Amino acid sequence: MLKVILRNKMRFFLAAVLLFLLVLIRAYENILFYDPFLLYFKGDFNSLEYPIYNLVPFIASLVFRYGLNSVLSIGIIYLLFQDKLMIKFVAFLYALFFVFLLISFFVILYCNDFFSSWSLFYVRRFIIQPIFLVLFIPALYYQKVTRKI
């Protein structure tokens, strides 16, 4: 019994470490990533032109950041649920959503209209923040609980 409790404590401790790493990514985003839209979205971006950016480093930075967030998020989900089939499904969803979000981001970026600033803001937020982790944990927990009934 004690081994089971200690093993669970270790799992939750490791999940907390991964969560702390997600916080560090957010805290040091200015240093770690090339993102000219960080300052753009901190101001009154509705009345501003899009910032000038270098496309290749910007895409590489988005891929790197999404990859880091995804790996850490999948690690947290694995530590919480320890279901390999579920992890494969979540990894597939992360990859699918990334392709969809990246295409959407650049379509919105190049099709400049009135609503594009807010659309760009929210699509970018899904790319750079681990929002899917917040969405997946309750959904996966519900799936796990209902599957046992």
Protein backbone atom coordinates (compact mmCIF):
# COMPACT_ATOMS: atom_id res chain seq x y z
CA MET A 1 0.00 0.00 0.00
CA LEU A 2 2.81 2.39 0.88
CA LYS A 3 4.49 1.72 -2.48
CA VAL A 4 1.28 2.60 -4.31
CA ILE A 5 0.97 5.86 -2.38
CA LEU A 6 4.61 6.75 -2.98
CA ARG A 7 4.34 5.89 -6.67
CA ASN A 8 1.32 8.17 -7.00
CA LYS A 9 3.11 10.93 -5.13
CA MET A 10 6.02 10.62 -7.53
CA ARG A 11 3.65 10.77 -10.53
CA PHE A 12 1.99 13.92 -9.23
CA PHE A 13 5.35 15.45 -8.34
CA LEU A 14 6.61 14.80 -11.89
CA ALA A 15 3.39 16.25 -13.31
CA ALA A 16 3.95 19.35 -11.15
CA VAL A 17 7.52 19.61 -12.48
CA LEU A 18 6.24 19.45 -16.07
CA LEU A 19 3.62 22.06 -15.23
CA PHE A 20 6.36 24.26 -13.78
CA LEU A 21 8.29 23.85 -17.03
CA LEU A 22 5.22 25.11 -18.91
CA VAL A 23 5.21 28.14 -16.62
CA LEU A 24 8.92 28.71 -17.33
CA ILE A 25 8.23 28.60 -21.07
CA ARG A 26 5.66 31.34 -20.58
CA ALA A 27 7.92 33.36 -18.28
CA TYR A 28 10.90 33.30 -20.67
CA GLU A 29 9.01 33.52 -23.95
CA ASN A 30 10.80 36.74 -24.92
CA ILE A 31 14.18 35.02 -24.66
CA LEU A 32 13.31 31.58 -26.01
CA PHE A 33 11.20 32.42 -29.05
CA TYR A 34 11.15 34.79 -31.98
CA ASP A 35 7.67 36.27 -31.92
CA PRO A 36 7.15 39.84 -33.15
CA PHE A 37 3.48 39.54 -32.26
CA LEU A 38 4.19 39.49 -28.50
CA LEU A 39 4.46 43.27 -28.32
CA TYR A 40 1.81 43.76 -31.01
CA PHE A 41 -0.88 42.01 -28.95
CA LYS A 42 0.11 43.76 -25.71
CA GLY A 43 -0.96 47.10 -27.17
CA ASP A 44 -4.06 48.36 -28.91
CA PHE A 45 -3.66 45.98 -31.82
CA ASN A 46 -6.99 46.76 -33.50
CA SER A 47 -5.65 50.06 -34.79
CA LEU A 48 -2.11 48.90 -35.60
CA GLU A 49 -0.58 47.35 -38.68
CA TYR A 50 0.82 43.85 -38.33
CA PRO A 51 4.47 43.86 -37.29
CA ILE A 52 7.21 43.04 -39.75
CA TYR A 53 8.52 39.49 -39.32
CA ASN A 54 10.88 37.02 -40.92
CA LEU A 55 8.75 34.11 -42.07
CA VAL A 56 11.15 31.17 -41.63
CA PRO A 57 12.36 32.01 -38.09
CA PHE A 58 8.79 32.85 -37.12
CA ILE A 59 7.42 29.50 -38.33
CA ALA A 60 10.36 27.69 -36.70
CA SER A 61 9.65 29.48 -33.44
CA LEU A 62 5.95 28.61 -33.56
CA VAL A 63 6.76 24.96 -34.30
CA PHE A 64 9.34 24.84 -31.50
CA ARG A 65 7.02 26.45 -28.96
CA TYR A 66 4.03 24.31 -29.88
CA GLY A 67 6.26 21.24 -29.80
CA LEU A 68 7.57 22.05 -26.33
CA ASN A 69 4.10 22.75 -25.00
CA SER A 70 2.75 19.58 -26.62
CA VAL A 71 5.48 17.29 -25.29
CA LEU A 72 5.13 18.66 -21.78
CA SER A 73 1.32 18.51 -21.95
CA ILE A 74 1.33 14.94 -23.24
CA GLY A 75 3.76 14.07 -20.44
CA ILE A 76 1.38 15.54 -17.87
CA ILE A 77 -1.56 13.67 -19.37
CA TYR A 78 0.44 10.43 -19.35
CA LEU A 79 1.41 10.90 -15.71
CA LEU A 80 -2.18 11.59 -14.73
CA PHE A 81 -3.90 8.81 -16.71
CA GLN A 82 -1.19 6.29 -17.70
CA ASP A 83 -3.13 5.03 -20.68
CA LYS A 84 -0.99 4.53 -23.80
CA LEU A 85 -3.93 4.36 -26.18
CA MET A 86 -5.19 7.66 -24.79
CA ILE A 87 -1.72 9.19 -25.23
CA LYS A 88 -1.58 8.10 -28.88
CA PHE A 89 -4.97 9.69 -29.46
CA VAL A 90 -3.95 12.92 -27.73
CA ALA A 91 -0.68 13.07 -29.68
CA PHE A 92 -2.64 12.63 -32.91
CA LEU A 93 -5.00 15.44 -31.87
CA TYR A 94 -2.09 17.74 -31.04
CA ALA A 95 -0.56 17.11 -34.47
CA LEU A 96 -3.89 17.56 -36.26
CA PHE A 97 -4.72 20.75 -34.38
CA PHE A 98 -1.26 22.16 -35.05
CA VAL A 99 -1.60 21.75 -38.80
CA PHE A 100 -5.08 23.27 -38.71
CA LEU A 101 -4.02 26.17 -36.45
CA LEU A 102 -0.87 26.97 -38.39
CA ILE A 103 -2.73 27.06 -41.70
CA SER A 104 -5.49 29.16 -40.11
CA PHE A 105 -2.93 31.54 -38.61
CA PHE A 106 -1.29 32.31 -41.92
CA VAL A 107 -4.57 32.50 -43.84
CA ILE A 108 -5.82 35.06 -41.32
CA LEU A 109 -2.48 36.87 -41.41
CA TYR A 110 -2.52 37.26 -45.20
CA CYS A 111 -6.26 37.92 -45.57
CA ASN A 112 -6.36 41.19 -43.70
CA ASP A 113 -9.89 42.36 -42.84
CA PHE A 114 -11.73 43.93 -39.91
CA PHE A 115 -12.04 40.78 -37.77
CA SER A 116 -8.63 39.37 -38.58
CA SER A 117 -6.84 40.97 -35.62
CA TRP A 118 -9.02 39.21 -33.07
CA SER A 119 -9.06 35.98 -35.04
CA LEU A 120 -5.29 36.10 -35.32
CA PHE A 121 -5.05 36.80 -31.59
CA TYR A 122 -7.09 33.72 -30.63
CA VAL A 123 -5.56 31.33 -33.15
CA ARG A 124 -2.09 32.42 -32.05
CA ARG A 125 -3.09 31.91 -28.43
CA PHE A 126 -3.99 28.29 -29.15
CA ILE A 127 -0.61 27.82 -30.84
CA ILE A 128 1.58 29.39 -28.16
CA GLN A 129 -0.31 28.50 -24.96
CA PRO A 130 -1.03 25.00 -23.60
CA ILE A 131 -4.79 25.56 -23.77
CA PHE A 132 -5.41 22.05 -25.09
CA LEU A 133 -4.06 20.65 -21.82
CA VAL A 134 -6.78 22.52 -19.93
CA LEU A 135 -9.37 21.16 -22.36
CA PHE A 136 -8.09 17.59 -22.59
CA ILE A 137 -7.68 16.76 -18.89
CA PRO A 138 -11.39 17.10 -17.97
CA ALA A 139 -12.46 15.45 -21.23
CA LEU A 140 -10.11 12.51 -20.75
CA TYR A 141 -11.09 12.16 -17.11
CA TYR A 142 -14.77 12.07 -18.11
CA GLN A 143 -13.97 9.50 -20.79
CA LYS A 144 -12.09 7.35 -18.31
CA VAL A 145 -14.85 7.52 -15.70
CA THR A 146 -17.66 6.74 -18.14
CA ARG A 147 -15.71 3.91 -19.72
CA LYS A 148 -15.54 2.12 -16.34
CA ILE A 149 -19.32 2.18 -15.84
